[in-house]
Full PDB file with SEQRES, HELIX, SHEET, SSBOND, CRYST1, ORIGX, SCALE, CONECT and MASTER records, all heavy atoms in Angstrom:
SEQRES   1 A   35  GLY LYS THR VAL LYS ILE MET LEU SER ASP TYR GLN GLY          
SEQRES   2 A   35  ARG GLU GLY GLY GLY ASN GLY LEU MET ARG LEU LEU THR          
SEQRES   3 A   35  PHE SER LEU LYS ASN ASP ARG MET ALA                          
HELIX    1 AA1 GLU A   15  GLY A   18  5                                   4    
SHEET    1 AA1 2 PHE A  27  SER A  28  0                                        
SHEET    2 AA1 2 ARG A  33  MET A  34 -1                                        
CRYST1    1.000    1.000    1.000  90.00  90.00  90.00 P 1           1          
ORIGX1      1.000000  0.000000  0.000000        0.00000                         
ORIGX2      0.000000  1.000000  0.000000        0.00000                         
ORIGX3      0.000000  0.000000  1.000000        0.00000                         
SCALE1      1.000000  0.000000  0.000000        0.00000                         
SCALE2      0.000000  1.000000  0.000000        0.00000                         
SCALE3      0.000000  0.000000  1.000000        0.00000                         
ATOM      1  N   GLY A   1     128.221  23.969  85.534  1.00  0.00           N  
ATOM      2  CA  GLY A   1     129.470  24.092  84.799  1.00  0.00           C  
ATOM      3  C   GLY A   1     129.354  24.707  83.421  1.00  0.00           C  
ATOM      4  O   GLY A   1     130.362  24.901  82.749  1.00  0.00           O  
ATOM      5  N   LYS A   2     128.132  25.033  82.968  1.00  0.00           N  
ATOM      6  CA  LYS A   2     127.940  25.598  81.638  1.00  0.00           C  
ATOM      7  C   LYS A   2     127.624  27.085  81.762  1.00  0.00           C  
ATOM      8  O   LYS A   2     126.642  27.463  82.404  1.00  0.00           O  
ATOM      9  CB  LYS A   2     126.804  24.873  80.897  1.00  0.00           C  
ATOM     10  CG  LYS A   2     127.013  23.366  80.768  1.00  0.00           C  
ATOM     11  CD  LYS A   2     128.285  23.031  79.994  1.00  0.00           C  
ATOM     12  CE  LYS A   2     128.477  21.516  79.880  1.00  0.00           C  
ATOM     13  NZ  LYS A   2     129.747  21.165  79.212  1.00  0.00           N  
ATOM     14  N   THR A   3     128.455  27.914  81.122  1.00  0.00           N  
ATOM     15  CA  THR A   3     128.321  29.359  81.222  1.00  0.00           C  
ATOM     16  C   THR A   3     127.525  29.900  80.040  1.00  0.00           C  
ATOM     17  O   THR A   3     127.755  29.507  78.891  1.00  0.00           O  
ATOM     18  CB  THR A   3     129.697  30.035  81.256  1.00  0.00           C  
ATOM     19  OG1 THR A   3     130.445  29.521  82.371  1.00  0.00           O  
ATOM     20  CG2 THR A   3     129.568  31.540  81.415  1.00  0.00           C  
ATOM     21  N   VAL A   4     126.595  30.803  80.324  1.00  0.00           N  
ATOM     22  CA  VAL A   4     125.779  31.456  79.302  1.00  0.00           C  
ATOM     23  C   VAL A   4     126.051  32.952  79.356  1.00  0.00           C  
ATOM     24  O   VAL A   4     125.936  33.574  80.418  1.00  0.00           O  
ATOM     25  CB  VAL A   4     124.280  31.182  79.515  1.00  0.00           C  
ATOM     26  CG1 VAL A   4     123.439  31.903  78.460  1.00  0.00           C  
ATOM     27  CG2 VAL A   4     123.987  29.679  79.476  1.00  0.00           C  
ATOM     28  N   LYS A   5     126.425  33.536  78.216  1.00  0.00           N  
ATOM     29  CA  LYS A   5     126.596  34.979  78.101  1.00  0.00           C  
ATOM     30  C   LYS A   5     125.268  35.583  77.660  1.00  0.00           C  
ATOM     31  O   LYS A   5     124.609  35.050  76.753  1.00  0.00           O  
ATOM     32  CB  LYS A   5     127.678  35.333  77.079  1.00  0.00           C  
ATOM     33  CG  LYS A   5     129.093  35.292  77.622  1.00  0.00           C  
ATOM     34  CD  LYS A   5     129.602  33.920  77.869  1.00  0.00           C  
ATOM     35  CE  LYS A   5     131.069  33.942  78.297  1.00  0.00           C  
ATOM     36  NZ  LYS A   5     131.551  32.591  78.635  1.00  0.00           N  
ATOM     37  N   ILE A   6     124.899  36.723  78.270  1.00  0.00           N  
ATOM     38  CA  ILE A   6     123.606  37.347  77.997  1.00  0.00           C  
ATOM     39  C   ILE A   6     123.859  38.832  77.752  1.00  0.00           C  
ATOM     40  O   ILE A   6     124.431  39.517  78.601  1.00  0.00           O  
ATOM     41  CB  ILE A   6     122.644  37.151  79.183  1.00  0.00           C  
ATOM     42  CG1 ILE A   6     122.571  35.657  79.542  1.00  0.00           C  
ATOM     43  CG2 ILE A   6     121.258  37.690  78.870  1.00  0.00           C  
ATOM     44  CD1 ILE A   6     122.126  35.365  80.947  1.00  0.00           C  
ATOM     45  N   MET A   7     123.429  39.349  76.584  1.00  0.00           N  
ATOM     46  CA  MET A   7     123.810  40.705  76.201  1.00  0.00           C  
ATOM     47  C   MET A   7     122.632  41.516  75.679  1.00  0.00           C  
ATOM     48  O   MET A   7     121.748  40.984  74.988  1.00  0.00           O  
ATOM     49  CB  MET A   7     124.906  40.657  75.138  1.00  0.00           C  
ATOM     50  CG  MET A   7     126.237  40.127  75.654  1.00  0.00           C  
ATOM     51  SD  MET A   7     127.576  40.295  74.440  1.00  0.00           S  
ATOM     52  CE  MET A   7     127.159  38.957  73.329  1.00  0.00           C  
ATOM     53  N   LEU A   8     122.659  42.793  76.009  1.00  0.00           N  
ATOM     54  CA  LEU A   8     121.772  43.809  75.457  1.00  0.00           C  
ATOM     55  C   LEU A   8     122.560  44.709  74.529  1.00  0.00           C  
ATOM     56  O   LEU A   8     123.667  45.144  74.867  1.00  0.00           O  
ATOM     57  CB  LEU A   8     121.164  44.658  76.590  1.00  0.00           C  
ATOM     58  CG  LEU A   8     120.747  46.097  76.246  1.00  0.00           C  
ATOM     59  CD1 LEU A   8     119.475  46.102  75.398  1.00  0.00           C  
ATOM     60  CD2 LEU A   8     120.552  46.924  77.509  1.00  0.00           C  
ATOM     61  N   SER A   9     121.993  45.016  73.358  1.00  0.00           N  
ATOM     62  CA  SER A   9     122.498  46.111  72.521  1.00  0.00           C  
ATOM     63  C   SER A   9     121.294  46.787  71.875  1.00  0.00           C  
ATOM     64  O   SER A   9     120.485  46.138  71.217  1.00  0.00           O  
ATOM     65  CB  SER A   9     123.484  45.603  71.459  1.00  0.00           C  
ATOM     66  OG  SER A   9     122.944  44.543  70.703  1.00  0.00           O  
ATOM     67  N   ASP A  10     121.157  48.081  72.117  1.00  0.00           N  
ATOM     68  CA  ASP A  10     120.029  48.862  71.594  1.00  0.00           C  
ATOM     69  C   ASP A  10     120.407  50.338  71.679  1.00  0.00           C  
ATOM     70  O   ASP A  10     120.645  50.855  72.770  1.00  0.00           O  
ATOM     71  CB  ASP A  10     118.762  48.586  72.395  1.00  0.00           C  
ATOM     72  CG  ASP A  10     117.597  49.448  71.947  1.00  0.00           C  
ATOM     73  OD1 ASP A  10     117.686  50.031  70.854  1.00  0.00           O  
ATOM     74  OD2 ASP A  10     116.615  49.550  72.693  1.00  0.00           O  
ATOM     75  N   TYR A  11     120.430  51.015  70.532  1.00  0.00           N  
ATOM     76  CA  TYR A  11     120.974  52.377  70.497  1.00  0.00           C  
ATOM     77  C   TYR A  11     119.931  53.414  70.100  1.00  0.00           C  
ATOM     78  O   TYR A  11     120.279  54.529  69.721  1.00  0.00           O  
ATOM     79  CB  TYR A  11     122.175  52.397  69.536  1.00  0.00           C  
ATOM     80  CG  TYR A  11     123.186  51.353  69.919  1.00  0.00           C  
ATOM     81  CD1 TYR A  11     123.245  50.114  69.280  1.00  0.00           C  
ATOM     82  CD2 TYR A  11     124.040  51.568  70.998  1.00  0.00           C  
ATOM     83  CE1 TYR A  11     124.146  49.146  69.671  1.00  0.00           C  
ATOM     84  CE2 TYR A  11     124.949  50.598  71.398  1.00  0.00           C  
ATOM     85  CZ  TYR A  11     124.996  49.387  70.733  1.00  0.00           C  
ATOM     86  OH  TYR A  11     125.876  48.419  71.137  1.00  0.00           O  
ATOM     87  N   GLN A  12     118.658  53.079  70.208  1.00  0.00           N  
ATOM     88  CA  GLN A  12     117.600  53.980  69.760  1.00  0.00           C  
ATOM     89  C   GLN A  12     117.570  55.290  70.547  1.00  0.00           C  
ATOM     90  O   GLN A  12     117.080  56.300  70.048  1.00  0.00           O  
ATOM     91  CB  GLN A  12     116.238  53.307  69.878  1.00  0.00           C  
ATOM     92  CG  GLN A  12     115.891  52.890  71.297  1.00  0.00           C  
ATOM     93  CD  GLN A  12     114.519  52.254  71.397  1.00  0.00           C  
ATOM     94  OE1 GLN A  12     113.532  52.926  71.242  1.00  0.00           O  
ATOM     95  NE2 GLN A  12     114.490  50.958  71.646  1.00  0.00           N  
ATOM     96  N   GLY A  13     118.104  55.285  71.787  1.00  0.00           N  
ATOM     97  CA  GLY A  13     118.122  56.498  72.590  1.00  0.00           C  
ATOM     98  C   GLY A  13     119.257  57.440  72.248  1.00  0.00           C  
ATOM     99  O   GLY A  13     119.334  58.548  72.791  1.00  0.00           O  
ATOM    100  N   ARG A  14     120.124  57.018  71.329  1.00  0.00           N  
ATOM    101  CA  ARG A  14     121.258  57.849  70.943  1.00  0.00           C  
ATOM    102  C   ARG A  14     120.835  58.864  69.859  1.00  0.00           C  
ATOM    103  O   ARG A  14     119.726  58.817  69.330  1.00  0.00           O  
ATOM    104  CB  ARG A  14     122.395  56.986  70.397  1.00  0.00           C  
ATOM    105  CG  ARG A  14     122.801  55.803  71.290  1.00  0.00           C  
ATOM    106  CD  ARG A  14     123.686  56.218  72.429  1.00  0.00           C  
ATOM    107  NE  ARG A  14     124.150  55.049  73.175  1.00  0.00           N  
ATOM    108  CZ  ARG A  14     125.254  54.379  72.904  1.00  0.00           C  
ATOM    109  NH1 ARG A  14     126.010  54.726  71.887  1.00  0.00           N  
ATOM    110  NH2 ARG A  14     125.622  53.342  73.649  1.00  0.00           N  
ATOM    111  N   GLU A  15     121.754  59.734  69.505  1.00  0.00           N  
ATOM    112  CA  GLU A  15     121.528  60.691  68.432  1.00  0.00           C  
ATOM    113  C   GLU A  15     121.158  59.960  67.146  1.00  0.00           C  
ATOM    114  O   GLU A  15     121.696  58.894  66.837  1.00  0.00           O  
ATOM    115  CB  GLU A  15     122.800  61.521  68.225  1.00  0.00           C  
ATOM    116  CG  GLU A  15     122.676  62.590  67.162  1.00  0.00           C  
ATOM    117  CD  GLU A  15     123.972  63.367  66.968  1.00  0.00           C  
ATOM    118  OE1 GLU A  15     124.914  63.131  67.764  1.00  0.00           O  
ATOM    119  OE2 GLU A  15     124.033  64.191  66.043  1.00  0.00           O  
ATOM    120  N   GLY A  16     120.229  60.542  66.407  1.00  0.00           N  
ATOM    121  CA  GLY A  16     119.827  59.950  65.141  1.00  0.00           C  
ATOM    122  C   GLY A  16     119.097  58.638  65.304  1.00  0.00           C  
ATOM    123  O   GLY A  16     119.100  57.811  64.385  1.00  0.00           O  
ATOM    124  N   GLY A  17     118.468  58.425  66.457  1.00  0.00           N  
ATOM    125  CA  GLY A  17     117.738  57.186  66.682  1.00  0.00           C  
ATOM    126  C   GLY A  17     118.631  55.966  66.704  1.00  0.00           C  
ATOM    127  O   GLY A  17     118.159  54.832  66.539  1.00  0.00           O  
ATOM    128  N   GLY A  18     119.938  56.196  66.902  1.00  0.00           N  
ATOM    129  CA  GLY A  18     120.890  55.092  66.941  1.00  0.00           C  
ATOM    130  C   GLY A  18     122.020  55.236  65.957  1.00  0.00           C  
ATOM    131  O   GLY A  18     123.037  54.539  66.046  1.00  0.00           O  
ATOM    132  N   ASN A  19     121.856  56.117  64.958  1.00  0.00           N  
ATOM    133  CA  ASN A  19     122.920  56.411  63.983  1.00  0.00           C  
ATOM    134  C   ASN A  19     123.454  55.172  63.285  1.00  0.00           C  
ATOM    135  O   ASN A  19     124.594  55.137  62.851  1.00  0.00           O  
ATOM    136  CB  ASN A  19     124.077  57.164  64.647  1.00  0.00           C  
ATOM    137  CG  ASN A  19     123.891  58.675  64.574  1.00  0.00           C  
ATOM    138  OD1 ASN A  19     123.064  59.168  63.802  1.00  0.00           O  
ATOM    139  ND2 ASN A  19     124.635  59.399  65.379  1.00  0.00           N  
ATOM    140  N   GLY A  20     122.635  54.117  63.223  1.00  0.00           N  
ATOM    141  CA  GLY A  20     123.058  52.928  62.497  1.00  0.00           C  
ATOM    142  C   GLY A  20     124.034  52.043  63.234  1.00  0.00           C  
ATOM    143  O   GLY A  20     124.660  51.156  62.632  1.00  0.00           O  
ATOM    144  N   LEU A  21     124.175  52.235  64.556  1.00  0.00           N  
ATOM    145  CA  LEU A  21     125.091  51.383  65.325  1.00  0.00           C  
ATOM    146  C   LEU A  21     124.633  49.928  65.303  1.00  0.00           C  
ATOM    147  O   LEU A  21     123.437  49.625  65.441  1.00  0.00           O  
ATOM    148  CB  LEU A  21     125.182  51.879  66.767  1.00  0.00           C  
ATOM    149  CG  LEU A  21     126.039  53.129  66.992  1.00  0.00           C  
ATOM    150  CD1 LEU A  21     125.749  53.729  68.362  1.00  0.00           C  
ATOM    151  CD2 LEU A  21     127.523  52.814  66.850  1.00  0.00           C  
ATOM    152  N   MET A  22     125.564  49.041  65.150  1.00  0.00           N  
ATOM    153  CA  MET A  22     125.293  47.604  65.136  1.00  0.00           C  
ATOM    154  C   MET A  22     126.468  46.899  65.795  1.00  0.00           C  
ATOM    155  O   MET A  22     127.435  47.527  66.221  1.00  0.00           O  
ATOM    156  CB  MET A  22     125.110  47.105  63.701  1.00  0.00           C  
ATOM    157  CG  MET A  22     126.324  47.357  62.811  1.00  0.00           C  
ATOM    158  SD  MET A  22     126.166  46.686  61.138  1.00  0.00           S  
ATOM    159  CE  MET A  22     126.456  44.935  61.472  1.00  0.00           C  
ATOM    160  N   ARG A  23     126.360  45.583  65.881  1.00  0.00           N  
ATOM    161  CA  ARG A  23     127.432  44.802  66.495  1.00  0.00           C  
ATOM    162  C   ARG A  23     127.863  43.663  65.588  1.00  0.00           C  
ATOM    163  O   ARG A  23     127.087  43.161  64.762  1.00  0.00           O  
ATOM    164  CB  ARG A  23     126.985  44.218  67.843  1.00  0.00           C  
ATOM    165  CG  ARG A  23     127.104  45.195  68.984  1.00  0.00           C  
ATOM    166  CD  ARG A  23     126.878  44.559  70.324  1.00  0.00           C  
ATOM    167  NE  ARG A  23     127.319  45.468  71.379  1.00  0.00           N  
ATOM    168  CZ  ARG A  23     127.243  45.208  72.671  1.00  0.00           C  
ATOM    169  NH1 ARG A  23     126.736  44.044  73.096  1.00  0.00           N  
ATOM    170  NH2 ARG A  23     127.673  46.070  73.564  1.00  0.00           N  
ATOM    171  N   LEU A  24     129.103  43.270  65.796  1.00  0.00           N  
ATOM    172  CA  LEU A  24     129.626  42.073  65.166  1.00  0.00           C  
ATOM    173  C   LEU A  24     130.211  41.196  66.260  1.00  0.00           C  
ATOM    174  O   LEU A  24     131.064  41.646  67.035  1.00  0.00           O  
ATOM    175  CB  LEU A  24     130.698  42.427  64.134  1.00  0.00           C  
ATOM    176  CG  LEU A  24     131.000  41.346  63.093  1.00  0.00           C  
ATOM    177  CD1 LEU A  24     129.812  41.176  62.157  1.00  0.00           C  
ATOM    178  CD2 LEU A  24     132.246  41.697  62.278  1.00  0.00           C  
ATOM    179  N   LEU A  25     129.735  39.963  66.349  1.00  0.00           N  
ATOM    180  CA  LEU A  25     130.295  38.979  67.269  1.00  0.00           C  
ATOM    181  C   LEU A  25     131.195  38.057  66.454  1.00  0.00           C  
ATOM    182  O   LEU A  25     130.729  37.399  65.523  1.00  0.00           O  
ATOM    183  CB  LEU A  25     129.188  38.160  67.947  1.00  0.00           C  
ATOM    184  CG  LEU A  25     128.053  38.923  68.621  1.00  0.00           C  
ATOM    185  CD1 LEU A  25     127.140  37.939  69.347  1.00  0.00           C  
ATOM    186  CD2 LEU A  25     128.569  39.979  69.566  1.00  0.00           C  
ATOM    187  N   THR A  26     132.464  38.033  66.794  1.00  0.00           N  
ATOM    188  CA  THR A  26     133.419  37.201  66.069  1.00  0.00           C  
ATOM    189  C   THR A  26     133.871  36.065  66.975  1.00  0.00           C  
ATOM    190  O   THR A  26     134.340  36.293  68.087  1.00  0.00           O  
ATOM    191  CB  THR A  26     134.625  38.028  65.599  1.00  0.00           C  
ATOM    192  OG1 THR A  26     134.161  39.090  64.757  1.00  0.00           O  
ATOM    193  CG2 THR A  26     135.597  37.172  64.812  1.00  0.00           C  
ATOM    194  N   PHE A  27     133.710  34.853  66.476  1.00  0.00           N  
ATOM    195  CA  PHE A  27     133.963  33.648  67.260  1.00  0.00           C  
ATOM    196  C   PHE A  27     135.235  32.958  66.770  1.00  0.00           C  
ATOM    197  O   PHE A  27     135.385  32.705  65.575  1.00  0.00           O  
ATOM    198  CB  PHE A  27     132.795  32.669  67.134  1.00  0.00           C  
ATOM    199  CG  PHE A  27     131.485  33.218  67.609  1.00  0.00           C  
ATOM    200  CD1 PHE A  27     130.681  33.977  66.767  1.00  0.00           C  
ATOM    201  CD2 PHE A  27     131.043  32.982  68.896  1.00  0.00           C  
ATOM    202  CE1 PHE A  27     129.464  34.489  67.204  1.00  0.00           C  
ATOM    203  CE2 PHE A  27     129.843  33.488  69.350  1.00  0.00           C  
ATOM    204  CZ  PHE A  27     129.052  34.246  68.502  1.00  0.00           C  
ATOM    205  N   SER A  28     136.138  32.673  67.696  1.00  0.00           N  
ATOM    206  CA  SER A  28     137.292  31.840  67.403  1.00  0.00           C  
ATOM    207  C   SER A  28     137.093  30.516  68.134  1.00  0.00           C  
ATOM    208  O   SER A  28     137.301  30.432  69.353  1.00  0.00           O  
ATOM    209  CB  SER A  28     138.594  32.506  67.853  1.00  0.00           C  
ATOM    210  OG  SER A  28     139.668  31.604  67.728  1.00  0.00           O  
ATOM    211  N   LEU A  29     136.665  29.500  67.415  1.00  0.00           N  
ATOM    212  CA  LEU A  29     136.472  28.189  68.041  1.00  0.00           C  
ATOM    213  C   LEU A  29     137.807  27.595  68.452  1.00  0.00           C  
ATOM    214  O   LEU A  29     137.907  26.910  69.468  1.00  0.00           O  
ATOM    215  CB  LEU A  29     135.740  27.256  67.079  1.00  0.00           C  
ATOM    216  CG  LEU A  29     134.368  27.727  66.584  1.00  0.00           C  
ATOM    217  CD1 LEU A  29     133.731  26.658  65.700  1.00  0.00           C  
ATOM    218  CD2 LEU A  29     133.450  28.060  67.753  1.00  0.00           C  
ATOM    219  N   LYS A  30     138.839  27.890  67.685  1.00  0.00           N  
ATOM    220  CA  LYS A  30     140.170  27.371  67.990  1.00  0.00           C  
ATOM    221  C   LYS A  30     140.634  27.844  69.359  1.00  0.00           C  
ATOM    222  O   LYS A  30     141.231  27.091  70.127  1.00  0.00           O  
ATOM    223  CB  LYS A  30     141.149  27.814  66.909  1.00  0.00           C  
ATOM    224  CG  LYS A  30     142.597  27.426  67.168  1.00  0.00           C  
ATOM    225  CD  LYS A  30     143.502  27.952  66.073  1.00  0.00           C  
ATOM    226  CE  LYS A  30     144.958  27.627  66.356  1.00  0.00           C  
ATOM    227  NZ  LYS A  30     145.857  28.165  65.286  1.00  0.00           N  
ATOM    228  N   ASN A  31     140.368  29.106  69.661  1.00  0.00           N  
ATOM    229  CA  ASN A  31     140.866  29.705  70.896  1.00  0.00           C  
ATOM    230  C   ASN A  31     139.794  29.900  71.948  1.00  0.00           C  
ATOM    231  O   ASN A  31     140.064  30.504  72.989  1.00  0.00           O  
ATOM    232  CB  ASN A  31     141.532  31.048  70.588  1.00  0.00           C  
ATOM    233  CG  ASN A  31     142.742  30.911  69.686  1.00  0.00           C  
ATOM    234  OD1 ASN A  31     143.406  29.881  69.698  1.00  0.00           O  
ATOM    235  ND2 ASN A  31     143.008  31.917  68.882  1.00  0.00           N  
ATOM    236  N   ASP A  32     138.571  29.430  71.676  1.00  0.00           N  
ATOM    237  CA  ASP A  32     137.472  29.539  72.632  1.00  0.00           C  
ATOM    238  C   ASP A  32     137.250  31.002  73.051  1.00  0.00           C  
ATOM    239  O   ASP A  32     137.198  31.336  74.218  1.00  0.00           O  
ATOM    240  CB  ASP A  32     137.727  28.674  73.876  1.00  0.00           C  
ATOM    241  CG  ASP A  32     136.493  28.584  74.762  1.00  0.00           C  
ATOM    242  OD1 ASP A  32     135.455  28.093  74.292  1.00  0.00           O  
ATOM    243  OD2 ASP A  32     136.553  29.020  75.932  1.00  0.00           O  
ATOM    244  N   ARG A  33     137.089  31.876  72.042  1.00  0.00           N  
ATOM    245  CA  ARG A  33     136.900  33.287  72.341  1.00  0.00           C  
ATOM    246  C   ARG A  33     135.788  33.880  71.501  1.00  0.00           C  
ATOM    247  O   ARG A  33     135.569  33.499  70.348  1.00  0.00           O  
ATOM    248  CB  ARG A  33     138.195  34.085  72.079  1.00  0.00           C  
ATOM    249  CG  ARG A  33     139.320  33.768  73.026  1.00  0.00           C  
ATOM    250  CD  ARG A  33     140.316  34.906  73.111  1.00  0.00           C  
ATOM    251  NE  ARG A  33     140.894  35.265  71.848  1.00  0.00           N  
ATOM    252  CZ  ARG A  33     141.988  34.699  71.321  1.00  0.00           C  
ATOM    253  NH1 ARG A  33     142.579  33.714  71.960  1.00  0.00           N  
ATOM    254  NH2 ARG A  33     142.480  35.106  70.163  1.00  0.00           N  
ATOM    255  N   MET A  34     135.097  34.840  72.093  1.00  0.00           N  
ATOM    256  CA  MET A  34     134.095  35.635  71.391  1.00  0.00           C  
ATOM    257  C   MET A  34     134.457  37.106  71.555  1.00  0.00           C  
ATOM    258  O   MET A  34     134.619  37.597  72.678  1.00  0.00           O  
ATOM    259  CB  MET A  34     132.698  35.380  71.967  1.00  0.00           C  
ATOM    260  CG  MET A  34     131.617  36.277  71.375  1.00  0.00           C  
ATOM    261  SD  MET A  34     129.983  35.971  72.112  1.00  0.00           S  
ATOM    262  CE  MET A  34     130.269  36.618  73.777  1.00  0.00           C  
ATOM    263  N   ALA A  35     134.604  37.817  70.444  1.00  0.00           N  
ATOM    264  CA  ALA A  35     134.918  39.237  70.471  1.00  0.00           C  
ATOM    265  C   ALA A  35     133.694  40.032  70.044  1.00  0.00           C  
ATOM    266  O   ALA A  35     133.007  39.670  69.085  1.00  0.00           O  
ATOM    267  CB  ALA A  35     136.088  39.547  69.540  1.00  0.00           C  
TER     268      ALA A  35                                                      
MASTER        0    0    0    1    2    0    0    6  267    1    0    3          
END                                                                             
């Protein structure tokens, strides 16, 4: 009954070795959401 999210993010193969791409995970505990 417990769900685990598993994610890859890696942009080294892109132009400019990744061009500074990054991620932001935003959590709403009130609404049980991750963006």
